[in-house]
């Protein structure tokens, strides 16, 4: 039985959010019997040509007011300005009804904002682009946003991280429908991984949260950054702050929202990332310079924080030819 997949688009949508999933399911049709193939439909919130964020013009198959089918999968795409972009209430009403009728529904990138405004994410566990995660969580506190996931399934709801993560999610959905072999064949044709290692943190610029510049905690944080290869245990940092360890820990947690040990590890990981991206320095040297002591400890911190090893991170992001 054919499955109908619909993507809701709008002016300013990210074109790859649209074409990425469409290419996954379109390529899948090459490996499926005619009766099992996907039917793809693009639904617009406005009529006529819609301009994507990169200037590409796209013509939707139908206006949302004419789309009353029961979809096997309904996905909302994202766009750079979507966090501040409001739609007409009729769009939210249609999206709410159509999503609840669909067998599966979800979002690509920050398309989650549209789902949230339609009242579809309350009490749900979701992800979105790392750059929009805090904004989404703040605007919709009843939603549990996990910022470091490439995609998440919560029952019939599927959400993905930014842009190319829509391809990851689509391959996952394809494997659910037709098995891992079909998904692998499609991934090979698109020259992508069927499942990427690690989460979104490896793509975000910084892990380390900083306190207000004039605060005592910020002074201690600066000390940490200037002495990464040295002893940065709680007694040492408490002494820098001229406080007892107990009071210092409380103050640090209040101002930085993480423990001193978590800050130190994050700062060391961030410093290591810079060296991995910009140099060919051996891992053991980077581990020593950044205070991990040895490559094994650095690897454990990377896997814990980013979901990938330092070697894999270097392969993914090194700027050194």
Protein backbone atom coordinates (compact mmCIF):
# COMPACT_ATOMS: atom_id res chain seq x y z
CA UNK A 1 0.00 0.00 0.00
CA UNK A 2 1.40 3.38 -1.00
CA UNK A 3 2.27 5.86 1.75
CA UNK A 4 1.57 9.57 1.23
CA UNK A 5 4.13 11.93 2.69
CA UNK A 6 3.36 15.65 2.92
CA UNK A 7 5.71 18.54 3.67
CA UNK A 8 4.31 21.88 4.80
CA UNK A 9 6.30 24.83 3.41
CA UNK A 10 6.16 28.61 3.78
CA UNK A 11 7.98 31.74 2.53
CA UNK A 12 11.55 31.68 3.86
CA UNK A 13 11.71 27.90 4.31
CA UNK A 14 15.12 26.21 4.19
CA UNK A 15 15.21 24.51 0.80
CA UNK A 16 17.25 21.52 2.01
CA UNK A 17 14.63 20.85 4.69
CA UNK A 18 12.26 20.26 1.77
CA UNK A 19 14.44 18.56 -0.80
CA UNK A 20 16.45 16.39 1.62
CA UNK A 21 13.51 14.29 2.86
CA UNK A 22 11.92 14.32 -0.60
CA UNK A 23 15.08 12.87 -2.14
CA UNK A 24 15.29 10.14 0.50
CA UNK A 25 11.76 8.90 -0.14
CA UNK A 26 11.97 9.46 -3.89
CA UNK A 27 15.19 7.42 -4.07
CA UNK A 28 13.54 4.75 -1.93
CA UNK A 29 10.92 4.24 -4.65
CA UNK A 30 13.70 2.80 -6.84
CA UNK A 31 13.93 -0.17 -4.45
CA UNK A 32 10.22 -0.65 -3.75
CA UNK A 33 7.43 -2.40 -5.62
CA UNK A 34 4.97 0.04 -7.21
CA UNK A 35 2.27 -0.71 -4.66
CA UNK A 36 4.67 0.12 -1.80
CA UNK A 37 6.11 3.32 -3.19
CA UNK A 38 5.81 6.74 -1.56
CA UNK A 39 3.66 9.55 -2.89
CA UNK A 40 5.15 12.93 -2.10
CA UNK A 41 3.19 16.14 -1.74
CA UNK A 42 4.34 19.67 -0.95
CA UNK A 43 1.72 21.81 0.77
CA UNK A 44 2.03 25.60 0.88
CA UNK A 45 0.72 28.06 3.44
CA UNK A 46 0.37 30.51 0.54
CA UNK A 47 -0.55 30.09 -3.11
CA UNK A 48 1.83 30.54 -6.01
CA UNK A 49 5.61 30.51 -5.97
CA UNK A 50 7.21 30.59 -2.53
CA UNK A 51 10.75 31.91 -2.09
CA UNK A 52 13.03 29.80 0.09
CA UNK A 53 15.62 31.39 2.36
CA UNK A 54 18.30 30.93 -0.33
CA UNK A 55 16.15 32.50 -3.05
CA UNK A 56 15.03 29.24 -4.66
CA UNK A 57 11.41 29.47 -5.84
CA UNK A 58 9.19 26.49 -5.07
CA UNK A 59 5.64 25.81 -6.24
CA UNK A 60 3.62 23.76 -3.76
CA UNK A 61 1.36 21.06 -5.13
CA UNK A 62 -1.59 22.37 -3.12
CA UNK A 63 -2.62 25.14 -0.75
CA UNK A 64 -3.17 23.86 2.78
CA UNK A 65 -6.88 24.71 2.63
CA UNK A 66 -7.26 22.16 -0.20
CA UNK A 67 -5.29 19.40 1.57
CA UNK A 68 -7.72 17.26 3.51
CA UNK A 69 -6.09 13.84 3.06
CA UNK A 70 -5.09 11.53 5.88
CA UNK A 71 -1.30 11.39 5.53
CA UNK A 72 0.97 8.58 6.51
CA UNK A 73 3.57 11.22 7.42
CA UNK A 74 3.20 14.99 7.72
CA UNK A 75 6.39 16.99 8.21
CA UNK A 76 6.80 20.71 8.82
CA UNK A 77 10.03 22.16 7.45
CA UNK A 78 12.13 24.88 9.09
CA UNK A 79 13.50 28.26 8.12
CA UNK A 80 16.07 30.74 9.50
CA UNK A 81 13.42 33.26 10.61
CA UNK A 82 10.75 30.82 11.76
CA UNK A 83 11.25 31.44 15.48
CA UNK A 84 9.90 34.98 14.95
CA UNK A 85 7.64 34.19 11.99
CA UNK A 86 3.93 33.99 12.75
CA UNK A 87 1.40 32.27 10.49
CA UNK A 88 -2.32 32.87 10.12
CA UNK A 89 -4.38 31.01 12.72
CA UNK A 90 -5.96 28.96 9.92
CA UNK A 91 -2.53 27.39 9.29
CA UNK A 92 -2.17 26.32 12.93
CA UNK A 93 -5.72 24.96 12.98
CA UNK A 94 -5.13 22.93 9.81
CA UNK A 95 -1.79 21.67 11.11
CA UNK A 96 -3.31 20.60 14.42
CA UNK A 97 -6.14 18.66 12.80
CA UNK A 98 -4.01 17.15 10.02
CA UNK A 99 -1.22 16.08 12.38
CA UNK A 100 -3.59 14.33 14.73
CA UNK A 101 -5.20 12.52 11.78
CA UNK A 102 -1.86 11.47 10.29
CA UNK A 103 -0.26 8.16 11.26
CA UNK A 104 2.98 10.05 11.93
CA UNK A 105 3.89 13.72 12.06
CA UNK A 106 6.85 15.87 12.93
CA UNK A 107 9.28 18.60 12.00
CA UNK A 108 12.60 19.25 10.33
CA UNK A 109 14.97 21.72 12.01
CA UNK A 110 13.08 24.56 13.71
CA UNK A 111 9.82 23.58 12.06
CA UNK A 112 9.12 22.54 15.65
CA UNK A 113 8.07 26.15 16.29
CA UNK A 114 5.10 25.67 13.98
CA UNK A 115 4.11 22.46 15.75
CA UNK A 116 4.44 24.17 19.12
CA UNK A 117 2.30 27.13 18.06
CA UNK A 118 -0.32 24.65 16.87
CA UNK A 119 -0.39 23.17 20.39
CA UNK A 120 1.08 19.83 19.33
CA UNK A 121 4.20 19.69 21.54
CA UNK A 122 2.91 20.13 25.07
CA UNK A 123 4.37 17.40 27.25
CA UNK A 124 6.36 15.97 24.34
CA UNK A 125 10.08 15.23 24.09
CA UNK A 126 11.54 16.85 20.97
CA UNK A 127 14.66 18.27 19.37
CA UNK A 128 15.39 21.13 17.02
CA UNK A 129 18.42 23.00 15.63
CA UNK A 130 20.93 23.58 18.45
CA UNK A 131 20.83 27.33 17.82
CA UNK A 132 17.07 27.47 18.42
CA UNK A 133 16.77 24.97 21.26
CA UNK A 134 16.96 27.48 24.13
CA UNK A 135 14.51 29.85 22.43
CA UNK A 136 12.02 27.05 21.78
CA UNK A 137 12.29 25.79 25.36
CA UNK A 138 11.81 29.30 26.72
CA UNK A 139 8.79 30.07 24.55
CA UNK A 140 7.12 26.70 25.16
CA UNK A 141 8.10 25.50 28.65
CA UNK A 142 5.63 22.60 28.51
CA UNK A 143 7.85 21.06 25.82
CA UNK A 144 10.94 19.04 26.76
CA UNK A 145 13.67 20.08 24.32
CA UNK A 146 16.76 17.86 24.04
CA UNK A 147 19.29 19.99 22.21
CA UNK A 148 21.96 17.37 21.54
CA UNK A 149 19.92 14.87 19.52
CA UNK A 150 20.01 14.45 15.74
CA UNK A 151 16.40 13.26 15.83
CA UNK A 152 13.87 11.99 18.37
CA UNK A 153 10.82 9.78 18.17
CA UNK A 154 8.13 10.35 20.80
CA UNK A 155 5.29 8.03 19.88
CA UNK A 156 3.90 9.17 16.52
CA UNK A 157 5.86 12.43 16.76
CA UNK A 158 9.25 12.70 15.02
CA UNK A 159 11.49 15.77 15.28
CA UNK A 160 14.96 16.39 13.91
CA UNK A 161 17.83 18.79 14.37
CA UNK A 162 18.99 21.30 11.80
CA UNK A 163 18.84 21.09 8.03
CA UNK A 164 20.68 17.90 6.98
CA UNK A 165 19.29 16.11 10.04
CA UNK A 166 16.06 15.88 8.04
CA UNK A 167 17.86 13.34 5.88
CA UNK A 168 18.90 11.36 8.97
CA UNK A 169 15.31 11.33 10.21
CA UNK A 170 13.95 10.35 6.80
CA UNK A 171 16.36 7.41 6.59
CA UNK A 172 15.25 6.32 10.06
CA UNK A 173 11.59 6.47 9.01
CA UNK A 174 12.41 4.60 5.81
CA UNK A 175 14.10 1.83 7.82
CA UNK A 176 11.00 1.59 10.00
CA UNK A 177 8.82 1.19 6.92
CA UNK A 178 10.94 -1.08 4.73
CA UNK A 179 13.93 -2.29 6.72
CA UNK A 180 17.58 -1.38 7.16
CA UNK A 181 18.69 -2.70 3.76
CA UNK A 182 16.49 -0.29 1.80
CA UNK A 183 17.62 2.60 4.01
CA UNK A 184 21.27 1.63 3.47
CA UNK A 185 20.80 1.44 -0.30
CA UNK A 186 19.28 4.93 -0.32
CA UNK A 187 22.04 6.28 1.93
CA UNK A 188 24.65 4.90 -0.46
CA UNK A 189 22.98 6.57 -3.45
CA UNK A 190 22.86 9.90 -1.57
CA UNK A 191 26.41 9.39 -0.24
CA UNK A 192 25.40 9.91 3.39
CA UNK A 193 25.57 7.88 6.58
CA UNK A 194 22.51 5.89 7.59
CA UNK A 195 23.25 6.87 11.19
CA UNK A 196 25.63 9.67 12.13
CA UNK A 197 27.86 9.34 15.17
CA UNK A 198 27.33 11.76 18.03
CA UNK A 199 24.83 14.50 18.68
CA UNK A 200 24.44 18.17 17.74
CA UNK A 201 26.99 19.42 20.28
CA UNK A 202 29.81 18.57 17.90
CA UNK A 203 28.41 21.15 15.45
CA UNK A 204 27.71 23.97 17.95
CA UNK A 205 30.42 26.57 18.50
CA UNK A 206 30.78 26.33 22.29
CA UNK A 207 29.82 23.98 25.09
CA UNK A 208 30.99 26.19 27.92
CA UNK A 209 28.50 28.57 29.60
CA UNK A 210 30.00 31.73 31.09
CA UNK A 211 28.91 33.87 34.04
CA UNK A 212 28.47 37.65 34.01
CA UNK A 213 31.84 39.26 33.27
CA UNK A 214 32.02 41.27 36.50
CA UNK A 215 31.18 38.40 38.84
CA UNK A 216 33.57 36.44 41.03
CA UNK A 217 32.60 33.26 39.18
CA UNK A 218 33.67 34.85 35.88
CA UNK A 219 37.07 35.62 37.39
CA UNK A 220 37.45 31.98 38.36
CA UNK A 221 36.35 30.91 34.90
CA UNK A 222 39.05 33.13 33.39
CA UNK A 223 41.57 31.49 35.69
CA UNK A 224 40.43 28.09 34.41
CA UNK A 225 40.85 29.14 30.78
CA UNK A 226 44.33 30.50 31.50
CA UNK A 227 45.48 27.37 33.38
CA UNK A 228 43.83 24.45 31.55
CA UNK A 229 46.87 22.17 31.84
CA UNK A 230 47.15 22.67 35.60
CA UNK A 231 45.33 21.29 38.66
CA UNK A 232 41.77 22.67 38.54
CA UNK A 233 40.14 20.64 41.28
CA UNK A 234 37.55 22.15 43.61
CA UNK A 235 40.04 23.03 46.41
CA UNK A 236 42.24 24.92 43.93
CA UNK A 237 39.33 26.90 42.45
CA UNK A 238 37.89 27.61 45.89
CA UNK A 239 41.24 29.03 46.91
CA UNK A 240 41.30 31.24 43.81
CA UNK A 241 37.90 32.58 44.88
CA UNK A 242 39.08 32.85 48.51
CA UNK A 243 36.02 30.91 49.66
CA UNK A 244 35.25 27.60 51.29
CA UNK A 245 34.68 24.75 48.84
CA UNK A 246 31.05 24.42 49.89
CA UNK A 247 30.17 28.10 49.48
CA UNK A 248 32.13 28.35 46.24
CA UNK A 249 30.30 25.36 44.75
CA UNK A 250 26.94 26.93 45.60
CA UNK A 251 27.93 30.30 44.14
CA UNK A 252 29.35 28.75 40.97
CA UNK A 253 26.27 26.61 40.40
CA UNK A 254 24.00 29.62 40.91
CA UNK A 255 25.86 31.88 38.46
CA UNK A 256 27.14 29.40 35.86
CA UNK A 257 24.27 26.85 36.05
CA UNK A 258 26.78 23.99 36.08
CA UNK A 259 29.22 22.61 38.64
CA UNK A 260 32.89 23.73 38.68
CA UNK A 261 33.96 20.26 37.50
CA UNK A 262 31.52 20.37 34.58
CA UNK A 263 32.81 23.81 33.60
CA UNK A 264 36.41 22.65 33.68
CA UNK A 265 35.66 19.63 31.50
CA UNK A 266 33.65 21.71 29.04
CA UNK A 267 36.41 24.30 28.80
CA UNK A 268 39.00 21.59 28.17
CA UNK A 269 36.82 19.97 25.50
CA UNK A 270 36.29 23.33 23.77
CA UNK A 271 40.02 24.09 23.82
CA UNK A 272 40.73 20.63 22.42
CA UNK A 273 38.20 21.15 19.64
CA UNK A 274 40.03 24.29 18.51
CA UNK A 275 43.34 22.41 18.29
CA UNK A 276 41.76 19.43 16.56
CA UNK A 277 40.16 21.70 13.96
CA UNK A 278 43.16 23.94 13.33
CA UNK A 279 46.27 21.79 13.74
CA UNK A 280 47.81 18.38 13.16
CA UNK A 281 49.12 18.20 16.74
CA UNK A 282 49.04 14.59 18.05
CA UNK A 283 46.14 13.67 20.31
CA UNK A 284 48.35 12.95 23.32
CA UNK A 285 49.90 16.44 23.03
CA UNK A 286 46.48 18.08 22.83
CA UNK A 287 45.32 16.04 25.82
CA UNK A 288 48.30 17.26 27.86
CA UNK A 289 47.99 20.91 26.77
CA UNK A 290 44.29 21.00 27.60
CA UNK A 291 44.62 19.33 30.98
CA UNK A 292 43.25 15.87 30.32
CA UNK A 293 46.56 14.26 31.20
CA UNK A 294 46.31 11.55 28.56
CA UNK A 295 44.51 10.72 25.33
CA UNK A 296 42.30 8.12 27.04
CA UNK A 297 40.82 10.69 29.44
CA UNK A 298 40.30 13.15 26.59
CA UNK A 299 38.52 10.49 24.56
CA UNK A 300 36.20 9.67 27.47
CA UNK A 301 35.29 13.36 27.86
CA UNK A 302 34.63 13.76 24.12
CA UNK A 303 32.39 10.71 23.97
CA UNK A 304 30.54 11.90 27.06
CA UNK A 305 30.11 15.47 25.82
CA UNK A 306 29.91 15.14 22.03
CA UNK A 307 29.18 11.50 21.35
CA UNK A 308 32.28 11.13 19.15
CA UNK A 309 35.97 10.47 19.80
CA UNK A 310 38.62 13.19 19.31
CA UNK A 311 39.89 11.33 16.25
CA UNK A 312 36.43 11.23 14.69
CA UNK A 313 35.90 14.89 15.54
CA UNK A 314 39.16 15.78 13.77
CA UNK A 315 38.14 13.76 10.71
CA UNK A 316 34.81 15.59 10.61
CA UNK A 317 35.96 19.16 11.21
CA UNK A 318 39.69 19.58 10.62
CA UNK A 319 40.63 22.59 8.49
CA UNK A 320 44.18 21.29 8.02
CA UNK A 321 44.81 19.79 4.59
